[in-house]
C-alpha atoms as a PDB file:
ATOM      1  CA  UNK A   1      -0.158  -0.018  -0.098  1.00  0.00           C
ATOM      2  CA  UNK A   2       1.490   3.325  -0.973  1.00  0.00           C
ATOM      3  CA  UNK A   3       0.134   6.537   0.360  1.00  0.00           C
ATOM      4  CA  UNK A   4       1.060  10.065  -1.386  1.00  0.00           C
ATOM      5  CA  UNK A   5      -0.066  13.386  -0.592  1.00  0.00           C
ATOM      6  CA  UNK A   6       0.190  16.577  -2.747  1.00  0.00           C
ATOM      7  CA  UNK A   7      -0.988  20.286  -2.623  1.00  0.00           C
ATOM      8  CA  UNK A   8      -3.446  21.408  -5.133  1.00  0.00           C
ATOM      9  CA  UNK A   9      -4.718  25.027  -5.628  1.00  0.00           C
ATOM     10  CA  UNK A  10      -8.017  26.111  -6.948  1.00  0.00           C
ATOM     11  CA  UNK A  11      -8.889  29.830  -7.754  1.00  0.00           C
ATOM     12  CA  UNK A  12     -12.016  31.192  -6.478  1.00  0.00           C
ATOM     13  CA  UNK A  13     -14.596  32.871  -8.526  1.00  0.00           C
ATOM     14  CA  UNK A  14     -14.385  36.064  -6.420  1.00  0.00           C
ATOM     15  CA  UNK A  15     -12.925  37.064  -3.000  1.00  0.00           C
ATOM     16  CA  UNK A  16     -14.437  34.945  -0.092  1.00  0.00           C
ATOM     17  CA  UNK A  17     -14.680  36.882   3.316  1.00  0.00           C
ATOM     18  CA  UNK A  18     -15.651  35.713   6.688  1.00  0.00           C
ATOM     19  CA  UNK A  19     -15.358  37.241  10.055  1.00  0.00           C
ATOM     20  CA  UNK A  20     -11.706  35.836  10.283  1.00  0.00           C
ATOM     21  CA  UNK A  21     -10.383  36.915   7.076  1.00  0.00           C
ATOM     22  CA  UNK A  22     -10.338  36.668   3.250  1.00  0.00           C
ATOM     23  CA  UNK A  23      -9.031  34.306   0.414  1.00  0.00           C
ATOM     24  CA  UNK A  24      -8.824  34.479  -3.260  1.00  0.00           C
ATOM     25  CA  UNK A  25      -7.721  30.568  -3.493  1.00  0.00           C
ATOM     26  CA  UNK A  26      -8.674  27.173  -1.927  1.00  0.00           C
ATOM     27  CA  UNK A  27      -5.475  25.399  -0.891  1.00  0.00           C
ATOM     28  CA  UNK A  28      -6.278  21.850  -0.389  1.00  0.00           C
ATOM     29  CA  UNK A  29      -4.405  18.522   0.190  1.00  0.00           C
ATOM     30  CA  UNK A  30      -4.940  15.418  -2.047  1.00  0.00           C
ATOM     31  CA  UNK A  31      -4.292  12.172  -0.709  1.00  0.00           C
ATOM     32  CA  UNK A  32      -3.835   9.168  -3.145  1.00  0.00           C
ATOM     33  CA  UNK A  33      -3.709   5.449  -1.604  1.00  0.00           C
ATOM     34  CA  UNK A  34      -2.772   2.645  -4.040  1.00  0.00           C
ATOM     35  CA  UNK A  35      -2.792  -0.871  -3.497  1.00  0.00           C
ATOM     36  CA  UNK A  36      -2.765  -3.716  -5.692  1.00  0.00           C
ATOM     37  CA  UNK A  37      -2.794  -1.404  -8.715  1.00  0.00           C
ATOM     38  CA  UNK A  38      -5.744   0.333  -7.653  1.00  0.00           C
ATOM     39  CA  UNK A  39      -5.965   3.938  -6.443  1.00  0.00           C
ATOM     40  CA  UNK A  40      -8.510   5.553  -4.050  1.00  0.00           C
ATOM     41  CA  UNK A  41      -8.384   9.280  -3.224  1.00  0.00           C
ATOM     42  CA  UNK A  42      -9.624  12.036  -1.052  1.00  0.00           C
ATOM     43  CA  UNK A  43      -9.407  15.634  -0.240  1.00  0.00           C
ATOM     44  CA  UNK A  44      -9.062  17.710   2.783  1.00  0.00           C
ATOM     45  CA  UNK A  45      -8.636  21.475   3.601  1.00  0.00           C
ATOM     46  CA  UNK A  46      -6.451  22.237   6.739  1.00  0.00           C
ATOM     47  CA  UNK A  47      -7.952  24.919   8.941  1.00  0.00           C
ATOM     48  CA  UNK A  48      -6.064  27.442  10.958  1.00  0.00           C
ATOM     49  CA  UNK A  49      -9.002  27.843  13.091  1.00  0.00           C
ATOM     50  CA  UNK A  50      -8.231  24.320  14.512  1.00  0.00           C
ATOM     51  CA  UNK A  51      -4.295  24.564  14.384  1.00  0.00           C
ATOM     52  CA  UNK A  52      -3.882  23.108  11.171  1.00  0.00           C
ATOM     53  CA  UNK A  53      -1.546  24.035   8.452  1.00  0.00           C
ATOM     54  CA  UNK A  54      -0.658  22.535   5.000  1.00  0.00           C
ATOM     55  CA  UNK A  55       2.764  21.437   6.352  1.00  0.00           C
ATOM     56  CA  UNK A  56       1.348  20.148   9.595  1.00  0.00           C
ATOM     57  CA  UNK A  57      -1.213  17.915   8.024  1.00  0.00           C
ATOM     58  CA  UNK A  58       1.140  16.776   5.392  1.00  0.00           C
ATOM     59  CA  UNK A  59       3.422  15.608   7.760  1.00  0.00           C
ATOM     60  CA  UNK A  60       0.633  13.643   9.650  1.00  0.00           C
ATOM     61  CA  UNK A  61      -0.226  11.787   6.590  1.00  0.00           C
ATOM     62  CA  UNK A  62       3.321  11.107   5.663  1.00  0.00           C
ATOM     63  CA  UNK A  63       4.174   9.688   8.921  1.00  0.00           C
ATOM     64  CA  UNK A  64       1.588   7.145   8.127  1.00  0.00           C
ATOM     65  CA  UNK A  65       2.670   3.583   7.122  1.00  0.00           C
ATOM     66  CA  UNK A  66       0.670   1.110   5.330  1.00  0.00           C
ATOM     67  CA  UNK A  67      -1.228  -1.186   5.086  1.00  0.00           C
ATOM     68  CA  UNK A  68      -4.190   0.751   6.736  1.00  0.00           C
ATOM     69  CA  UNK A  69      -7.716   0.160   7.372  1.00  0.00           C
ATOM     70  CA  UNK A  70     -10.084   2.717   8.446  1.00  0.00           C
ATOM     71  CA  UNK A  71     -10.449   0.941  12.143  1.00  0.00           C
ATOM     72  CA  UNK A  72      -6.746   1.355  12.460  1.00  0.00           C
ATOM     73  CA  UNK A  73      -6.695   4.902  11.397  1.00  0.00           C
ATOM     74  CA  UNK A  74      -8.868   5.891  14.368  1.00  0.00           C
ATOM     75  CA  UNK A  75      -5.965   5.026  16.646  1.00  0.00           C
ATOM     76  CA  UNK A  76      -3.302   6.745  14.554  1.00  0.00           C
ATOM     77  CA  UNK A  77      -4.949   9.915  13.706  1.00  0.00           C
ATOM     78  CA  UNK A  78      -7.438  12.373  15.659  1.00  0.00           C
ATOM     79  CA  UNK A  79     -10.415  13.964  14.197  1.00  0.00           C
ATOM     80  CA  UNK A  80      -9.203  16.638  11.659  1.00  0.00           C
ATOM     81  CA  UNK A  81      -8.143  17.185   7.973  1.00  0.00           C
ATOM     82  CA  UNK A  82      -5.532  14.580   7.736  1.00  0.00           C
ATOM     83  CA  UNK A  83      -7.687  11.685   8.863  1.00  0.00           C
ATOM     84  CA  UNK A  84     -10.596  12.762   6.618  1.00  0.00           C
ATOM     85  CA  UNK A  85      -8.342  12.861   3.181  1.00  0.00           C
ATOM     86  CA  UNK A  86      -7.052   9.411   4.261  1.00  0.00           C
ATOM     87  CA  UNK A  87     -10.448   7.821   5.369  1.00  0.00           C
ATOM     88  CA  UNK A  88     -12.356   9.145   2.218  1.00  0.00           C
ATOM     89  CA  UNK A  89      -9.223   7.719   0.111  1.00  0.00           C
ATOM     90  CA  UNK A  90      -9.681   4.373   1.959  1.00  0.00           C
ATOM     91  CA  UNK A  91     -13.486   4.330   0.984  1.00  0.00           C
ATOM     92  CA  UNK A  92     -12.617   5.192  -2.415  1.00  0.00           C
ATOM     93  CA  UNK A  93     -10.039   2.461  -2.758  1.00  0.00           C
ATOM     94  CA  UNK A  94     -12.627  -0.142  -1.515  1.00  0.00           C
ATOM     95  CA  UNK A  95     -15.410   0.746  -3.757  1.00  0.00           C
ATOM     96  CA  UNK A  96     -12.790   0.488  -6.636  1.00  0.00           C
ATOM     97  CA  UNK A  97     -11.604  -2.823  -5.442  1.00  0.00           C
ATOM     98  CA  UNK A  98     -14.910  -4.274  -4.654  1.00  0.00           C
ATOM     99  CA  UNK A  99     -16.839  -2.857  -7.663  1.00  0.00           C
ATOM    100  CA  UNK A 100     -19.573  -1.332  -5.766  1.00  0.00           C
ATOM    101  CA  UNK A 101     -20.451   2.292  -4.648  1.00  0.00           C
ATOM    102  CA  UNK A 102     -19.457   3.593  -1.216  1.00  0.00           C
ATOM    103  CA  UNK A 103     -23.098   3.964  -0.314  1.00  0.00           C
ATOM    104  CA  UNK A 104     -23.887   0.372  -0.868  1.00  0.00           C
ATOM    105  CA  UNK A 105     -20.540  -0.562   1.114  1.00  0.00           C
ATOM    106  CA  UNK A 106     -21.827   1.597   4.100  1.00  0.00           C
ATOM    107  CA  UNK A 107     -25.214   0.350   4.125  1.00  0.00           C
ATOM    108  CA  UNK A 108     -26.740   3.283   2.996  1.00  0.00           C
ATOM    109  CA  UNK A 109     -29.838   3.904   0.536  1.00  0.00           C
ATOM    110  CA  UNK A 110     -29.150   5.000  -2.869  1.00  0.00           C
ATOM    111  CA  UNK A 111     -28.538   8.706  -2.532  1.00  0.00           C
ATOM    112  CA  UNK A 112     -29.974  11.572  -4.587  1.00  0.00           C
ATOM    113  CA  UNK A 113     -29.689  15.011  -5.068  1.00  0.00           C
ATOM    114  CA  UNK A 114     -30.027  17.776  -2.285  1.00  0.00           C
ATOM    115  CA  UNK A 115     -30.892  21.075  -2.376  1.00  0.00           C
ATOM    116  CA  UNK A 116     -27.562  23.116  -1.170  1.00  0.00           C
ATOM    117  CA  UNK A 117     -27.200  26.632   0.217  1.00  0.00           C
ATOM    118  CA  UNK A 118     -25.348  29.229  -1.648  1.00  0.00           C
ATOM    119  CA  UNK A 119     -22.892  31.283   0.456  1.00  0.00           C
ATOM    120  CA  UNK A 120     -22.629  35.258   0.365  1.00  0.00           C
ATOM    121  CA  UNK A 121     -19.191  36.276   1.871  1.00  0.00           C
ATOM    122  CA  UNK A 122     -19.147  39.077   4.359  1.00  0.00           C
ATOM    123  CA  UNK A 123     -19.115  42.550   2.718  1.00  0.00           C
ATOM    124  CA  UNK A 124     -20.732  46.119   2.834  1.00  0.00           C
ATOM    125  CA  UNK A 125     -24.410  46.062   2.981  1.00  0.00           C
ATOM    126  CA  UNK A 126     -24.501  47.393  -0.657  1.00  0.00           C
ATOM    127  CA  UNK A 127     -22.478  44.920  -2.018  1.00  0.00           C
ATOM    128  CA  UNK A 128     -24.140  41.888  -0.157  1.00  0.00           C
ATOM    129  CA  UNK A 129     -27.427  43.322  -1.275  1.00  0.00           C
ATOM    130  CA  UNK A 130     -26.231  43.101  -4.860  1.00  0.00           C
ATOM    131  CA  UNK A 131     -24.755  39.534  -4.527  1.00  0.00           C
ATOM    132  CA  UNK A 132     -27.953  38.631  -2.872  1.00  0.00           C
ATOM    133  CA  UNK A 133     -30.118  39.669  -5.892  1.00  0.00           C
ATOM    134  CA  UNK A 134     -27.680  38.098  -8.175  1.00  0.00           C
ATOM    135  CA  UNK A 135     -28.435  34.889  -6.564  1.00  0.00           C
ATOM    136  CA  UNK A 136     -32.195  35.454  -5.492  1.00  0.00           C
ATOM    137  CA  UNK A 137     -33.300  32.689  -7.586  1.00  0.00           C
ATOM    138  CA  UNK A 138     -31.634  30.075  -5.642  1.00  0.00           C
ATOM    139  CA  UNK A 139     -33.701  28.621  -3.064  1.00  0.00           C
ATOM    140  CA  UNK A 140     -31.359  28.851   0.195  1.00  0.00           C
ATOM    141  CA  UNK A 141     -28.706  31.632   0.743  1.00  0.00           C
ATOM    142  CA  UNK A 142     -26.108  31.477   3.439  1.00  0.00           C
ATOM    143  CA  UNK A 143     -24.971  34.700   4.786  1.00  0.00           C
ATOM    144  CA  UNK A 144     -21.603  35.111   6.104  1.00  0.00           C
ATOM    145  CA  UNK A 145     -21.783  37.659   9.256  1.00  0.00           C
ATOM    146  CA  UNK A 146     -20.014  37.850  12.643  1.00  0.00           C
ATOM    147  CA  UNK A 147     -19.641  41.709  13.368  1.00  0.00           C
ATOM    148  CA  UNK A 148     -21.146  44.077  15.919  1.00  0.00           C
ATOM    149  CA  UNK A 149     -22.912  45.868  12.777  1.00  0.00           C
ATOM    150  CA  UNK A 150     -24.474  43.113  10.979  1.00  0.00           C
ATOM    151  CA  UNK A 151     -27.981  44.536  11.191  1.00  0.00           C
ATOM    152  CA  UNK A 152     -27.622  46.611   7.938  1.00  0.00           C
ATOM    153  CA  UNK A 153     -26.254  43.726   6.065  1.00  0.00           C
ATOM    154  CA  UNK A 154     -29.082  41.267   7.136  1.00  0.00           C
ATOM    155  CA  UNK A 155     -31.743  43.939   6.141  1.00  0.00           C
ATOM    156  CA  UNK A 156     -29.572  44.480   2.702  1.00  0.00           C
ATOM    157  CA  UNK A 157     -29.637  40.744   2.030  1.00  0.00           C
ATOM    158  CA  UNK A 158     -33.490  40.250   2.574  1.00  0.00           C
ATOM    159  CA  UNK A 159     -34.177  43.254   0.340  1.00  0.00           C
ATOM    160  CA  UNK A 160     -31.893  41.632  -2.423  1.00  0.00           C
ATOM    161  CA  UNK A 161     -33.643  38.377  -2.207  1.00  0.00           C
ATOM    162  CA  UNK A 162     -37.198  38.697  -0.628  1.00  0.00           C
ATOM    163  CA  UNK A 163     -38.189  35.117  -1.413  1.00  0.00           C
ATOM    164  CA  UNK A 164     -35.292  33.095  -0.570  1.00  0.00           C
ATOM    165  CA  UNK A 165     -34.715  31.166   2.651  1.00  0.00           C
ATOM    166  CA  UNK A 166     -31.921  32.461   4.439  1.00  0.00           C
ATOM    167  CA  UNK A 167     -29.517  31.079   7.092  1.00  0.00           C
ATOM    168  CA  UNK A 168     -26.716  32.844   8.890  1.00  0.00           C
ATOM    169  CA  UNK A 169     -23.173  31.853   9.851  1.00  0.00           C
ATOM    170  CA  UNK A 170     -21.455  34.334  12.357  1.00  0.00           C
ATOM    171  CA  UNK A 171     -18.492  32.135  12.623  1.00  0.00           C
ATOM    172  CA  UNK A 172     -18.012  32.914  16.325  1.00  0.00           C
ATOM    173  CA  UNK A 173     -18.310  36.591  15.720  1.00  0.00           C
ATOM    174  CA  UNK A 174     -20.931  37.724  18.276  1.00  0.00           C
ATOM    175  CA  UNK A 175     -21.221  38.135  21.741  1.00  0.00           C
ATOM    176  CA  UNK A 176     -24.076  36.973  23.734  1.00  0.00           C
ATOM    177  CA  UNK A 177     -25.342  40.548  23.777  1.00  0.00           C
ATOM    178  CA  UNK A 178     -25.183  41.022  20.077  1.00  0.00           C
ATOM    179  CA  UNK A 179     -26.856  38.070  19.583  1.00  0.00           C
ATOM    180  CA  UNK A 180     -29.511  38.809  22.025  1.00  0.00           C
ATOM    181  CA  UNK A 181     -30.108  42.072  20.368  1.00  0.00           C
ATOM    182  CA  UNK A 182     -30.366  40.444  16.788  1.00  0.00           C
ATOM    183  CA  UNK A 183     -32.248  37.420  17.764  1.00  0.00           C
ATOM    184  CA  UNK A 184     -35.839  39.183  17.470  1.00  0.00           C
ATOM    185  CA  UNK A 185     -34.729  40.514  13.897  1.00  0.00           C
ATOM    186  CA  UNK A 186     -33.746  37.148  12.724  1.00  0.00           C
ATOM    187  CA  UNK A 187     -37.509  36.010  13.313  1.00  0.00           C
ATOM    188  CA  UNK A 188     -38.798  39.440  11.750  1.00  0.00           C
ATOM    189  CA  UNK A 189     -36.627  38.840   8.415  1.00  0.00           C
ATOM    190  CA  UNK A 190     -37.510  35.199   8.052  1.00  0.00           C
ATOM    191  CA  UNK A 191     -34.035  33.651   8.973  1.00  0.00           C
ATOM    192  CA  UNK A 192     -34.540  29.968   9.461  1.00  0.00           C
ATOM    193  CA  UNK A 193     -31.281  29.166  11.112  1.00  0.00           C
ATOM    194  CA  UNK A 194     -28.125  30.784  12.847  1.00  0.00           C
ATOM    195  CA  UNK A 195     -24.987  29.062  12.840  1.00  0.00           C
ATOM    196  CA  UNK A 196     -22.468  28.984  15.621  1.00  0.00           C
ATOM    197  CA  UNK A 197     -23.247  32.906  16.959  1.00  0.00           C
ATOM    198  CA  UNK A 198     -20.709  32.860  19.899  1.00  0.00           C
ATOM    199  CA  UNK A 199     -17.289  31.723  20.199  1.00  0.00           C
ATOM    200  CA  UNK A 200     -16.987  27.836  21.018  1.00  0.00           C
ATOM    201  CA  UNK A 201     -15.311  28.580  24.275  1.00  0.00           C
ATOM    202  CA  UNK A 202     -18.133  30.908  25.368  1.00  0.00           C
ATOM    203  CA  UNK A 203     -21.091  29.129  24.152  1.00  0.00           C
ATOM    204  CA  UNK A 204     -22.290  28.288  27.860  1.00  0.00           C
ATOM    205  CA  UNK A 205     -24.089  31.650  27.522  1.00  0.00           C
ATOM    206  CA  UNK A 206     -26.552  29.954  25.295  1.00  0.00           C
ATOM    207  CA  UNK A 207     -27.761  27.793  28.188  1.00  0.00           C
ATOM    208  CA  UNK A 208     -31.278  29.300  29.215  1.00  0.00           C
ATOM    209  CA  UNK A 209     -31.061  31.880  26.284  1.00  0.00           C
ATOM    210  CA  UNK A 210     -34.176  32.444  24.125  1.00  0.00           C
ATOM    211  CA  UNK A 211     -33.431  30.666  20.864  1.00  0.00           C
ATOM    212  CA  UNK A 212     -36.294  31.838  18.677  1.00  0.00           C
ATOM    213  CA  UNK A 213     -34.417  30.574  15.653  1.00  0.00           C
ATOM    214  CA  UNK A 214     -32.779  27.167  15.741  1.00  0.00           C
ATOM    215  CA  UNK A 215     -29.184  27.643  16.609  1.00  0.00           C
ATOM    216  CA  UNK A 216     -26.365  25.259  14.923  1.00  0.00           C
ATOM    217  CA  UNK A 217     -23.156  24.176  16.560  1.00  0.00           C
ATOM    218  CA  UNK A 218     -20.319  24.423  13.924  1.00  0.00           C
ATOM    219  CA  UNK A 219     -16.900  25.137  15.709  1.00  0.00           C
ATOM    220  CA  UNK A 220     -18.454  23.687  18.920  1.00  0.00           C
ATOM    221  CA  UNK A 221     -19.168  20.332  17.243  1.00  0.00           C
ATOM    222  CA  UNK A 222     -16.170  18.158  15.612  1.00  0.00           C
ATOM    223  CA  UNK A 223     -17.203  14.462  16.240  1.00  0.00           C
ATOM    224  CA  UNK A 224     -19.288  12.357  18.699  1.00  0.00           C
ATOM    225  CA  UNK A 225     -17.297  13.381  21.639  1.00  0.00           C
ATOM    226  CA  UNK A 226     -18.452  16.749  21.213  1.00  0.00           C
ATOM    227  CA  UNK A 227     -22.079  16.007  21.763  1.00  0.00           C
ATOM    228  CA  UNK A 228     -22.109  15.891  25.508  1.00  0.00           C
ATOM    229  CA  UNK A 229     -21.159  19.476  25.716  1.00  0.00           C
ATOM    230  CA  UNK A 230     -23.901  20.703  23.415  1.00  0.00           C
ATOM    231  CA  UNK A 231     -26.706  19.825  25.443  1.00  0.00           C
ATOM    232  CA  UNK A 232     -28.969  23.003  26.148  1.00  0.00           C
ATOM    233  CA  UNK A 233     -26.948  25.301  23.820  1.00  0.00           C
ATOM    234  CA  UNK A 234     -27.981  24.131  20.315  1.00  0.00           C
ATOM    235  CA  UNK A 235     -30.675  22.422  18.275  1.00  0.00           C
ATOM    236  CA  UNK A 236     -28.714  21.670  15.090  1.00  0.00           C
ATOM    237  CA  UNK A 237     -25.330  20.095  14.674  1.00  0.00           C
ATOM    238  CA  UNK A 238     -22.910  21.147  11.614  1.00  0.00           C
ATOM    239  CA  UNK A 239     -21.151  18.088  10.358  1.00  0.00           C
ATOM    240  CA  UNK A 240     -18.239  18.608   8.335  1.00  0.00           C
ATOM    241  CA  UNK A 241     -15.773  15.875   7.330  1.00  0.00           C
ATOM    242  CA  UNK A 242     -12.549  17.986   7.804  1.00  0.00           C
ATOM    243  CA  UNK A 243     -13.794  18.308  11.623  1.00  0.00           C
ATOM    244  CA  UNK A 244     -15.240  14.636  12.123  1.00  0.00           C
ATOM    245  CA  UNK A 245     -12.211  13.244  10.473  1.00  0.00           C
ATOM    246  CA  UNK A 246     -13.647  11.552   7.489  1.00  0.00           C
ATOM    247  CA  UNK A 247     -16.748   9.815   6.099  1.00  0.00           C
ATOM    248  CA  UNK A 248     -16.760   7.232   8.689  1.00  0.00           C
ATOM    249  CA  UNK A 249     -16.945   9.233  11.794  1.00  0.00           C
ATOM    250  CA  UNK A 250     -19.291  11.817   9.940  1.00  0.00           C
ATOM    251  CA  UNK A 251     -21.880   9.059   9.392  1.00  0.00           C
ATOM    252  CA  UNK A 252     -21.757   7.958  13.181  1.00  0.00           C
ATOM    253  CA  UNK A 253     -22.042  11.512  14.248  1.00  0.00           C
ATOM    254  CA  UNK A 254     -24.975  12.038  12.352  1.00  0.00           C
ATOM    255  CA  UNK A 255     -26.626   8.687  13.732  1.00  0.00           C
ATOM    256  CA  UNK A 256     -25.469   9.658  17.479  1.00  0.00           C
ATOM    257  CA  UNK A 257     -26.906  13.367  16.811  1.00  0.00           C
ATOM    258  CA  UNK A 258     -30.127  12.344  15.483  1.00  0.00           C
ATOM    259  CA  UNK A 259     -30.501   9.901  18.345  1.00  0.00           C
ATOM    260  CA  UNK A 260     -30.127  12.652  20.976  1.00  0.00           C
ATOM    261  CA  UNK A 261     -32.627  14.679  19.346  1.00  0.00           C
ATOM    262  CA  UNK A 262     -30.420  17.121  17.180  1.00  0.00           C
ATOM    263  CA  UNK A 263     -31.336  18.054  13.613  1.00  0.00           C
ATOM    264  CA  UNK A 264     -28.521  17.880  11.254  1.00  0.00           C
ATOM    265  CA  UNK A 265     -26.661  20.164   8.848  1.00  0.00           C
ATOM    266  CA  UNK A 266     -23.875  19.105   6.574  1.00  0.00           C
ATOM    267  CA  UNK A 267     -21.298  21.918   5.713  1.00  0.00           C
ATOM    268  CA  UNK A 268     -17.917  21.789   4.203  1.00  0.00           C
ATOM    269  CA  UNK A 269     -14.753  23.804   4.009  1.00  0.00           C
ATOM    270  CA  UNK A 270     -13.978  25.871   0.334  1.00  0.00           C
ATOM    271  CA  UNK A 271     -12.915  22.954  -1.491  1.00  0.00           C
ATOM    272  CA  UNK A 272     -13.100  20.975  -4.755  1.00  0.00           C
ATOM    273  CA  UNK A 273     -15.861  18.307  -5.716  1.00  0.00           C
ATOM    274  CA  UNK A 274     -13.528  15.733  -4.588  1.00  0.00           C
ATOM    275  CA  UNK A 275     -13.993  16.821  -1.036  1.00  0.00           C
ATOM    276  CA  UNK A 276     -17.943  17.549  -1.381  1.00  0.00           C
ATOM    277  CA  UNK A 277     -18.221  13.894  -2.856  1.00  0.00           C
ATOM    278  CA  UNK A 278     -18.414  11.880   0.308  1.00  0.00           C
ATOM    279  CA  UNK A 279     -20.289  14.638   2.196  1.00  0.00           C
ATOM    280  CA  UNK A 280     -23.255  14.130  -0.308  1.00  0.00           C
ATOM    281  CA  UNK A 281     -23.727  10.700   1.253  1.00  0.00           C
ATOM    282  CA  UNK A 282     -23.959  12.076   4.918  1.00  0.00           C
ATOM    283  CA  UNK A 283     -26.223  15.082   3.503  1.00  0.00           C
ATOM    284  CA  UNK A 284     -29.155  12.862   2.641  1.00  0.00           C
ATOM    285  CA  UNK A 285     -32.042  13.959   4.485  1.00  0.00           C
ATOM    286  CA  UNK A 286     -30.362  16.546   6.452  1.00  0.00           C
ATOM    287  CA  UNK A 287     -32.219  19.752   7.798  1.00  0.00           C
ATOM    288  CA  UNK A 288     -29.761  21.883   5.971  1.00  0.00           C
ATOM    289  CA  UNK A 289     -27.048  21.183   3.350  1.00  0.00           C
ATOM    290  CA  UNK A 290     -24.243  23.453   2.749  1.00  0.00           C
ATOM    291  CA  UNK A 291     -22.050  21.903   0.007  1.00  0.00           C
ATOM    292  CA  UNK A 292     -21.495  24.817  -2.075  1.00  0.00           C
ATOM    293  CA  UNK A 293     -17.711  24.720  -2.099  1.00  0.00           C
ATOM    294  CA  UNK A 294     -17.437  23.976  -5.932  1.00  0.00           C
ATOM    295  CA  UNK A 295     -19.853  26.715  -6.727  1.00  0.00           C
ATOM    296  CA  UNK A 296     -17.457  29.305  -5.287  1.00  0.00           C
ATOM    297  CA  UNK A 297     -14.269  28.199  -7.359  1.00  0.00           C
ATOM    298  CA  UNK A 298     -13.216  29.476 -10.742  1.00  0.00           C
ATOM    299  CA  UNK A 299     -11.865  25.817 -11.504  1.00  0.00           C
ATOM    300  CA  UNK A 300     -12.788  22.432 -10.338  1.00  0.00           C
ATOM    301  CA  UNK A 301     -11.614  18.822 -10.721  1.00  0.00           C
ATOM    302  CA  UNK A 302     -12.190  16.664 -13.738  1.00  0.00           C
ATOM    303  CA  UNK A 303     -15.590  14.834 -13.627  1.00  0.00           C
ATOM    304  CA  UNK A 304     -16.953  17.416 -11.166  1.00  0.00           C
ATOM    305  CA  UNK A 305     -20.166  17.184  -9.214  1.00  0.00           C
ATOM    306  CA  UNK A 306     -23.588  18.345 -10.965  1.00  0.00           C
ATOM    307  CA  UNK A 307     -25.367  21.248  -9.541  1.00  0.00           C
ATOM    308  CA  UNK A 308     -28.649  21.944 -10.805  1.00  0.00           C
ATOM    309  CA  UNK A 309     -32.350  22.765 -10.121  1.00  0.00           C
ATOM    310  CA  UNK A 310     -32.689  19.650  -8.059  1.00  0.00           C
ATOM    311  CA  UNK A 311     -29.540  20.462  -5.901  1.00  0.00           C
ATOM    312  CA  UNK A 312     -26.160  18.835  -5.589  1.00  0.00           C
ATOM    313  CA  UNK A 313     -26.020  15.353  -7.190  1.00  0.00           C
ATOM    314  CA  UNK A 314     -24.039  12.459  -5.938  1.00  0.00           C
ATOM    315  CA  UNK A 315     -20.648  12.041  -7.352  1.00  0.00           C
ATOM    316  CA  UNK A 316     -19.886   9.833 -10.553  1.00  0.00           C
ATOM    317  CA  UNK A 317     -17.652   7.010 -10.087  1.00  0.00           C
ATOM    318  CA  UNK A 318     -15.127   8.680 -12.104  1.00  0.00           C
ATOM    319  CA  UNK A 319     -14.745  11.295  -9.452  1.00  0.00           C
ATOM    320  CA  UNK A 320     -15.230   9.254  -6.139  1.00  0.00           C
ATOM    321  CA  UNK A 321     -16.777   6.413  -4.622  1.00  0.00           C
END
């Protein structure tokens, strides 16, 4: 078994801004695992918020020695980007060796398309209104907020897209006071979900606080071990494969979260269709799907995912799984 990791860069269609900064390209790591002349692959996006860099994640992957199994991988790497790319590559490898799709190997129902959010990055109210109007035909818009001055932005987006369903991602950018002040306006403007309003380290403030709009844990939820600390704070959990450490844990987290009464959102980092492909399996039937990474790119992988009026479609075998 041979494990290879390489760096790939995809230009973004336009500057993408959240409360923590801006970017003009997506830098990803691609893992290829070859065994018996068959190669499976996966992608991850190291995230500085979690102490990851391209270099540190590459080193984690390069330290692995084959032969590997998904079960053994759990003892070798923690939840995070490195394990994600390797886990997904192992799933793809197994699917190609078996001549069966991953969804069948995992005991899942045949997947179909799912409506996905389209993300509007943080900008001035005027520019966000322009972007909202440009994408008003989309059924679900996600707005990046997370500053003390977000009310004009929210009003502007609603004015630009009066009929679209809107969800908000504050990326830990609000205080408890700012969130409490905004909450009634979220209802007034028809916001259907707010993602991670408070910093993960300060989210105890959500206990006992009125939540007129469902609140989703993102930075506060990584894998199944996170669930115990979410009680009384959140209504929804955002499952991202770069946080869970791969498809294996993402499916387990989904089942555990649902069993504990949470609804599920499936999200992504800004990556290519290869990163989204396994997440489409997790996203089946989710309350919110946010797998628009490829829509934000100016270029993508060959055999890219299909996005149309029905949503994001499951991957073709030529891409993954």
